[in-house]
Amino acid sequence: MRKHIHMMVAAFVLLVSCQEKVEFMSDLTLSSSTVKMPAAEGWHVIAVYANNPWTAGFSEQVDWASLDVFEGGEGLGRIRLDCRDNYGLKRAVDVIVTDGSLSDTLHVIQNTGLSEIEFSFKRSAVEVPADKVRVKTAFKTNLEYDLERAVTSVKDTAGEPVDWISDVEIGMDAVTFTVSQAKEDRMAVITLTLTDCEGTVLETSLLVNQKCS
């Protein structure tokens, strides 16, 4: 049974090579430079042509993609790339194959499985008292798996950073933060930003108005 599986994999690698019309122009070549994976769980076979033993790995550690082999020898070989379901923003990682002196890269992009993306404060502004207080305001998002990458900016209305708002925490249904005690009225804007692998930016802001009277 195992022999038949190996024969099927080898035949598939050769078929992929023929379909993509691979021309080996160097001593180390991959069958493609970019692959776009669907949002649903799936796999892709990478054909590797090398004149020397090679190793493979990701450009960074990710938990949503894996390789079935990490090294190979001379001639035509293959690597199977597996991707898990994507319930968040479009994401990417590189598969890098090297033989020590030469390297080639496959750029992997996985589409988002979301038909509509939600990432916003439910209110545009909130008024808080002069005393030091922990504030909780409603937030709406379906990007549970991307929230840890969100970038928080807190600035006054002139665009200068402020330090009287701190400890901003983003949850699926609320954003909480701490405001320090005030001696006079002041305002600031909390901005949350998320960027996908292709540079598409999501941004939402909340005006915080601290009143002393």
C-alpha atoms as a PDB file:
ATOM      1  CA  MET A   1       0.000   0.000   0.000  1.00  0.00           C
ATOM      2  CA  ARG A   2       2.803   2.409   0.959  1.00  0.00           C
ATOM      3  CA  LYS A   3       4.567   1.678  -2.349  1.00  0.00           C
ATOM      4  CA  HIS A   4       1.437   2.649  -4.269  1.00  0.00           C
ATOM      5  CA  ILE A   5       1.104   5.894  -2.298  1.00  0.00           C
ATOM      6  CA  HIS A   6       4.709   6.841  -3.067  1.00  0.00           C
ATOM      7  CA  MET A   7       4.152   6.108  -6.753  1.00  0.00           C
ATOM      8  CA  MET A   8       1.017   8.277  -6.759  1.00  0.00           C
ATOM      9  CA  VAL A   9       2.861  11.170  -5.080  1.00  0.00           C
ATOM     10  CA  ALA A  10       5.752  10.916  -7.541  1.00  0.00           C
ATOM     11  CA  ALA A  11       3.343  10.899 -10.466  1.00  0.00           C
ATOM     12  CA  PHE A  12       1.543  13.934  -9.055  1.00  0.00           C
ATOM     13  CA  VAL A  13       4.819  15.874  -8.676  1.00  0.00           C
ATOM     14  CA  LEU A  14       5.696  15.146 -12.304  1.00  0.00           C
ATOM     15  CA  LEU A  15       2.193  16.171 -13.388  1.00  0.00           C
ATOM     16  CA  VAL A  16       2.461  19.473 -11.492  1.00  0.00           C
ATOM     17  CA  SER A  17       5.832  20.114 -13.086  1.00  0.00           C
ATOM     18  CA  CYS A  18       4.423  19.509 -16.562  1.00  0.00           C
ATOM     19  CA  GLN A  19       1.277  21.563 -16.004  1.00  0.00           C
ATOM     20  CA  GLU A  20       3.222  24.563 -14.724  1.00  0.00           C
ATOM     21  CA  LYS A  21       5.855  24.163 -17.471  1.00  0.00           C
ATOM     22  CA  VAL A  22       8.753  24.340 -15.038  1.00  0.00           C
ATOM     23  CA  GLU A  23      12.078  25.207 -16.635  1.00  0.00           C
ATOM     24  CA  PHE A  24      14.995  24.587 -14.306  1.00  0.00           C
ATOM     25  CA  MET A  25      17.174  27.632 -14.913  1.00  0.00           C
ATOM     26  CA  SER A  26      19.458  27.183 -11.885  1.00  0.00           C
ATOM     27  CA  ASP A  27      20.911  24.481  -9.652  1.00  0.00           C
ATOM     28  CA  LEU A  28      18.023  24.965  -7.196  1.00  0.00           C
ATOM     29  CA  THR A  29      14.500  25.635  -8.450  1.00  0.00           C
ATOM     30  CA  LEU A  30      10.963  25.389  -7.044  1.00  0.00           C
ATOM     31  CA  SER A  31       7.938  24.653  -9.245  1.00  0.00           C
ATOM     32  CA  SER A  32       6.391  28.060  -8.494  1.00  0.00           C
ATOM     33  CA  SER A  33       7.170  31.312  -6.699  1.00  0.00           C
ATOM     34  CA  THR A  34       3.683  32.020  -5.320  1.00  0.00           C
ATOM     35  CA  VAL A  35       0.681  29.928  -4.328  1.00  0.00           C
ATOM     36  CA  LYS A  36      -2.710  31.224  -3.203  1.00  0.00           C
ATOM     37  CA  MET A  37      -4.398  28.794  -0.850  1.00  0.00           C
ATOM     38  CA  PRO A  38      -8.163  28.738  -0.224  1.00  0.00           C
ATOM     39  CA  ALA A  39      -9.548  29.683   3.187  1.00  0.00           C
ATOM     40  CA  ALA A  40     -10.625  26.089   3.791  1.00  0.00           C
ATOM     41  CA  GLU A  41      -8.096  23.505   4.935  1.00  0.00           C
ATOM     42  CA  GLY A  42      -6.014  22.331   1.985  1.00  0.00           C
ATOM     43  CA  TRP A  43      -2.635  21.239   0.688  1.00  0.00           C
ATOM     44  CA  HIS A  44      -0.224  21.977  -2.151  1.00  0.00           C
ATOM     45  CA  VAL A  45       2.720  19.992  -3.531  1.00  0.00           C
ATOM     46  CA  ILE A  46       5.927  21.918  -4.206  1.00  0.00           C
ATOM     47  CA  ALA A  47       8.299  20.327  -6.719  1.00  0.00           C
ATOM     48  CA  VAL A  48      11.982  20.863  -5.897  1.00  0.00           C
ATOM     49  CA  TYR A  49      14.809  20.441  -8.412  1.00  0.00           C
ATOM     50  CA  ALA A  50      18.282  20.500  -6.874  1.00  0.00           C
ATOM     51  CA  ASN A  51      21.827  19.534  -7.770  1.00  0.00           C
ATOM     52  CA  ASN A  52      22.751  19.265  -4.081  1.00  0.00           C
ATOM     53  CA  PRO A  53      21.087  18.177  -0.818  1.00  0.00           C
ATOM     54  CA  TRP A  54      18.637  20.821   0.438  1.00  0.00           C
ATOM     55  CA  THR A  55      16.692  21.870   3.509  1.00  0.00           C
ATOM     56  CA  ALA A  56      13.326  23.620   3.772  1.00  0.00           C
ATOM     57  CA  GLY A  57      11.589  25.751   6.371  1.00  0.00           C
ATOM     58  CA  PHE A  58       9.289  28.699   6.959  1.00  0.00           C
ATOM     59  CA  SER A  59      10.398  32.326   7.037  1.00  0.00           C
ATOM     60  CA  GLU A  60       8.750  32.620  10.477  1.00  0.00           C
ATOM     61  CA  GLN A  61       7.068  30.301  12.942  1.00  0.00           C
ATOM     62  CA  VAL A  62       3.340  29.883  12.213  1.00  0.00           C
ATOM     63  CA  ASP A  63       0.732  27.541  13.654  1.00  0.00           C
ATOM     64  CA  TRP A  64      -1.527  27.430  10.589  1.00  0.00           C
ATOM     65  CA  ALA A  65       0.854  25.857   8.057  1.00  0.00           C
ATOM     66  CA  SER A  66       3.135  22.816   8.066  1.00  0.00           C
ATOM     67  CA  LEU A  67       5.533  20.890   5.799  1.00  0.00           C
ATOM     68  CA  ASP A  68       5.761  17.123   5.588  1.00  0.00           C
ATOM     69  CA  VAL A  69       9.507  17.072   4.804  1.00  0.00           C
ATOM     70  CA  PHE A  70      12.327  19.455   5.689  1.00  0.00           C
ATOM     71  CA  GLU A  71      15.181  18.077   3.583  1.00  0.00           C
ATOM     72  CA  GLY A  72      15.904  16.264   0.353  1.00  0.00           C
ATOM     73  CA  GLY A  73      18.645  15.132  -1.989  1.00  0.00           C
ATOM     74  CA  GLU A  74      19.782  15.714  -5.553  1.00  0.00           C
ATOM     75  CA  GLY A  75      17.347  15.555  -8.449  1.00  0.00           C
ATOM     76  CA  LEU A  76      13.598  16.048  -8.433  1.00  0.00           C
ATOM     77  CA  GLY A  77      11.936  16.009  -5.022  1.00  0.00           C
ATOM     78  CA  ARG A  78       8.796  17.347  -3.434  1.00  0.00           C
ATOM     79  CA  ILE A  79       7.376  19.006  -0.334  1.00  0.00           C
ATOM     80  CA  ARG A  80       3.750  18.901   0.754  1.00  0.00           C
ATOM     81  CA  LEU A  81       2.440  22.129   2.269  1.00  0.00           C
ATOM     82  CA  ASP A  82      -0.668  21.876   4.484  1.00  0.00           C
ATOM     83  CA  CYS A  83      -2.741  24.872   5.613  1.00  0.00           C
ATOM     84  CA  ARG A  84      -5.427  24.951   8.290  1.00  0.00           C
ATOM     85  CA  ASP A  85      -8.802  26.693   7.939  1.00  0.00           C
ATOM     86  CA  ASN A  86      -8.493  30.471   8.031  1.00  0.00           C
ATOM     87  CA  TYR A  87     -11.160  32.230  10.099  1.00  0.00           C
ATOM     88  CA  GLY A  88      -9.357  35.581  10.095  1.00  0.00           C
ATOM     89  CA  LEU A  89      -7.669  38.052   7.790  1.00  0.00           C
ATOM     90  CA  LYS A  90      -5.727  37.021   4.695  1.00  0.00           C
ATOM     91  CA  ARG A  91      -2.313  35.748   5.820  1.00  0.00           C
ATOM     92  CA  ALA A  92       1.047  34.797   4.338  1.00  0.00           C
ATOM     93  CA  VAL A  93       4.322  33.034   4.999  1.00  0.00           C
ATOM     94  CA  ASP A  94       7.343  32.058   2.874  1.00  0.00           C
ATOM     95  CA  VAL A  95       8.668  28.547   2.358  1.00  0.00           C
ATOM     96  CA  ILE A  96      12.440  28.837   1.880  1.00  0.00           C
ATOM     97  CA  VAL A  97      14.480  26.027   0.346  1.00  0.00           C
ATOM     98  CA  THR A  98      18.277  26.242   0.495  1.00  0.00           C
ATOM     99  CA  ASP A  99      21.236  24.015  -0.309  1.00  0.00           C
ATOM    100  CA  GLY A 100      23.719  26.099   1.645  1.00  0.00           C
ATOM    101  CA  SER A 101      24.823  28.433  -1.106  1.00  0.00           C
ATOM    102  CA  LEU A 102      21.621  28.819  -3.150  1.00  0.00           C
ATOM    103  CA  SER A 103      18.026  29.362  -2.097  1.00  0.00           C
ATOM    104  CA  ASP A 104      14.587  29.676  -3.651  1.00  0.00           C
ATOM    105  CA  THR A 105      11.342  30.875  -2.074  1.00  0.00           C
ATOM    106  CA  LEU A 106       7.656  30.041  -2.366  1.00  0.00           C
ATOM    107  CA  HIS A 107       5.385  32.850  -1.159  1.00  0.00           C
ATOM    108  CA  VAL A 108       2.232  31.342   0.378  1.00  0.00           C
ATOM    109  CA  ILE A 109      -0.934  33.451   0.653  1.00  0.00           C
ATOM    110  CA  GLN A 110      -4.071  32.064   2.296  1.00  0.00           C
ATOM    111  CA  ASN A 111      -7.392  33.777   1.620  1.00  0.00           C
ATOM    112  CA  THR A 112      -9.734  34.854   4.386  1.00  0.00           C
ATOM    113  CA  GLY A 113     -12.771  32.724   5.155  1.00  0.00           C
ATOM    114  CA  LEU A 114     -14.825  35.765   6.191  1.00  0.00           C
ATOM    115  CA  SER A 115     -17.407  37.170   3.771  1.00  0.00           C
ATOM    116  CA  GLU A 116     -17.702  40.338   5.868  1.00  0.00           C
ATOM    117  CA  ILE A 117     -15.111  41.737   8.269  1.00  0.00           C
ATOM    118  CA  GLU A 118     -16.141  43.487  11.480  1.00  0.00           C
ATOM    119  CA  PHE A 119     -13.675  45.631  13.422  1.00  0.00           C
ATOM    120  CA  SER A 120     -15.165  48.760  14.976  1.00  0.00           C
ATOM    121  CA  PHE A 121     -16.180  50.636  18.111  1.00  0.00           C
ATOM    122  CA  LYS A 122     -19.966  50.706  18.469  1.00  0.00           C
ATOM    123  CA  ARG A 123     -19.772  54.362  19.520  1.00  0.00           C
ATOM    124  CA  SER A 124     -17.655  57.126  18.038  1.00  0.00           C
ATOM    125  CA  ALA A 125     -17.136  58.921  21.376  1.00  0.00           C
ATOM    126  CA  VAL A 126     -17.370  58.360  25.122  1.00  0.00           C
ATOM    127  CA  GLU A 127     -17.404  60.816  28.054  1.00  0.00           C
ATOM    128  CA  VAL A 128     -15.559  59.847  31.251  1.00  0.00           C
ATOM    129  CA  PRO A 129     -15.372  61.460  34.730  1.00  0.00           C
ATOM    130  CA  ALA A 130     -12.431  63.413  36.126  1.00  0.00           C
ATOM    131  CA  ASP A 131     -11.504  60.633  38.575  1.00  0.00           C
ATOM    132  CA  LYS A 132      -9.164  57.790  37.727  1.00  0.00           C
ATOM    133  CA  VAL A 133     -11.377  55.034  36.331  1.00  0.00           C
ATOM    134  CA  ARG A 134     -11.369  51.865  34.273  1.00  0.00           C
ATOM    135  CA  VAL A 135     -13.573  52.356  31.225  1.00  0.00           C
ATOM    136  CA  LYS A 136     -15.337  49.673  29.203  1.00  0.00           C
ATOM    137  CA  THR A 137     -16.878  50.514  25.838  1.00  0.00           C
ATOM    138  CA  ALA A 138     -18.674  48.278  23.338  1.00  0.00           C
ATOM    139  CA  PHE A 139     -16.692  46.864  20.424  1.00  0.00           C
ATOM    140  CA  LYS A 140     -17.662  44.610  17.532  1.00  0.00           C
ATOM    141  CA  THR A 141     -15.337  42.224  15.700  1.00  0.00           C
ATOM    142  CA  ASN A 142     -15.179  38.756  14.183  1.00  0.00           C
ATOM    143  CA  LEU A 143     -11.365  38.736  14.038  1.00  0.00           C
ATOM    144  CA  GLU A 144     -10.714  36.697  17.174  1.00  0.00           C
ATOM    145  CA  TYR A 145      -7.546  35.148  15.749  1.00  0.00           C
ATOM    146  CA  ASP A 146      -6.040  38.484  14.689  1.00  0.00           C
ATOM    147  CA  LEU A 147      -6.724  40.711  17.710  1.00  0.00           C
ATOM    148  CA  GLU A 148      -3.327  40.078  19.296  1.00  0.00           C
ATOM    149  CA  ARG A 149      -1.743  41.786  16.262  1.00  0.00           C
ATOM    150  CA  ALA A 150      -3.838  44.938  16.587  1.00  0.00           C
ATOM    151  CA  VAL A 151      -1.815  48.135  17.038  1.00  0.00           C
ATOM    152  CA  THR A 152      -3.092  50.710  19.538  1.00  0.00           C
ATOM    153  CA  SER A 153      -2.437  54.437  19.244  1.00  0.00           C
ATOM    154  CA  VAL A 154      -3.531  57.059  21.809  1.00  0.00           C
ATOM    155  CA  LYS A 155      -3.140  60.724  20.800  1.00  0.00           C
ATOM    156  CA  ASP A 156      -4.713  64.080  21.531  1.00  0.00           C
ATOM    157  CA  THR A 157      -6.791  65.926  18.934  1.00  0.00           C
ATOM    158  CA  ALA A 158      -3.621  67.593  17.637  1.00  0.00           C
ATOM    159  CA  GLY A 159      -2.029  64.200  16.955  1.00  0.00           C
ATOM    160  CA  GLU A 160       0.410  64.204  19.885  1.00  0.00           C
ATOM    161  CA  PRO A 161       0.788  61.086  22.085  1.00  0.00           C
ATOM    162  CA  VAL A 162      -0.800  61.221  25.549  1.00  0.00           C
ATOM    163  CA  ASP A 163      -0.063  59.212  28.689  1.00  0.00           C
ATOM    164  CA  TRP A 164      -3.273  59.688  30.665  1.00  0.00           C
ATOM    165  CA  ILE A 165      -4.948  56.785  28.859  1.00  0.00           C
ATOM    166  CA  SER A 166      -3.258  53.420  29.441  1.00  0.00           C
ATOM    167  CA  ASP A 167      -3.694  49.635  29.600  1.00  0.00           C
ATOM    168  CA  VAL A 168      -5.876  49.362  26.502  1.00  0.00           C
ATOM    169  CA  GLU A 169      -7.253  45.812  26.143  1.00  0.00           C
ATOM    170  CA  ILE A 170      -9.212  44.625  23.100  1.00  0.00           C
ATOM    171  CA  GLY A 171     -11.865  41.946  23.414  1.00  0.00           C
ATOM    172  CA  MET A 172     -14.428  40.473  21.064  1.00  0.00           C
ATOM    173  CA  ASP A 173     -17.265  42.610  22.435  1.00  0.00           C
ATOM    174  CA  ALA A 174     -15.538  45.393  24.399  1.00  0.00           C
ATOM    175  CA  VAL A 175     -12.426  47.549  24.666  1.00  0.00           C
ATOM    176  CA  THR A 176     -11.300  48.529  28.166  1.00  0.00           C
ATOM    177  CA  PHE A 177      -8.778  51.170  29.195  1.00  0.00           C
ATOM    178  CA  THR A 178      -7.708  53.246  32.197  1.00  0.00           C
ATOM    179  CA  VAL A 179      -7.858  57.049  32.425  1.00  0.00           C
ATOM    180  CA  SER A 180      -5.902  58.902  35.096  1.00  0.00           C
ATOM    181  CA  GLN A 181      -7.331  61.667  37.283  1.00  0.00           C
ATOM    182  CA  ALA A 182      -7.731  65.027  35.556  1.00  0.00           C
ATOM    183  CA  LYS A 183      -7.563  68.625  36.776  1.00  0.00           C
ATOM    184  CA  GLU A 184      -8.994  70.096  33.581  1.00  0.00           C
ATOM    185  CA  ASP A 185     -11.037  68.974  30.597  1.00  0.00           C
ATOM    186  CA  ARG A 186      -9.135  67.019  27.971  1.00  0.00           C
ATOM    187  CA  MET A 187      -9.719  64.813  24.961  1.00  0.00           C
ATOM    188  CA  ALA A 188      -7.850  62.031  23.194  1.00  0.00           C
ATOM    189  CA  VAL A 189      -8.419  59.541  20.413  1.00  0.00           C
ATOM    190  CA  ILE A 190      -7.839  55.799  20.763  1.00  0.00           C
ATOM    191  CA  THR A 191      -7.134  54.259  17.341  1.00  0.00           C
ATOM    192  CA  LEU A 192      -6.966  50.514  16.681  1.00  0.00           C
ATOM    193  CA  THR A 193      -5.311  49.263  13.495  1.00  0.00           C
ATOM    194  CA  LEU A 194      -5.022  45.836  11.858  1.00  0.00           C
ATOM    195  CA  THR A 195      -3.178  45.106   8.612  1.00  0.00           C
ATOM    196  CA  ASP A 196      -3.438  41.930   6.518  1.00  0.00           C
ATOM    197  CA  CYS A 197      -0.574  40.280   4.625  1.00  0.00           C
ATOM    198  CA  GLU A 198      -1.199  42.356   1.486  1.00  0.00           C
ATOM    199  CA  GLY A 199      -1.213  45.697   3.268  1.00  0.00           C
ATOM    200  CA  THR A 200      -4.983  46.226   3.527  1.00  0.00           C
ATOM    201  CA  VAL A 201      -5.563  48.319   6.666  1.00  0.00           C
ATOM    202  CA  LEU A 202      -8.526  48.161   9.041  1.00  0.00           C
ATOM    203  CA  GLU A 203      -8.857  51.122  11.392  1.00  0.00           C
ATOM    204  CA  THR A 204     -11.382  52.290  13.973  1.00  0.00           C
ATOM    205  CA  SER A 205     -11.253  55.189  16.454  1.00  0.00           C
ATOM    206  CA  LEU A 206     -12.877  56.314  19.703  1.00  0.00           C
ATOM    207  CA  LEU A 207     -12.890  59.897  20.989  1.00  0.00           C
ATOM    208  CA  VAL A 208     -12.436  59.987  24.777  1.00  0.00           C
ATOM    209  CA  ASN A 209     -13.706  63.185  26.422  1.00  0.00           C
ATOM    210  CA  GLN A 210     -12.713  63.575  30.084  1.00  0.00           C
ATOM    211  CA  LYS A 211     -14.792  66.230  31.826  1.00  0.00           C
ATOM    212  CA  CYS A 212     -13.928  67.881  35.145  1.00  0.00           C
ATOM    213  CA  SER A 213     -17.233  69.714  35.534  1.00  0.00           C
END
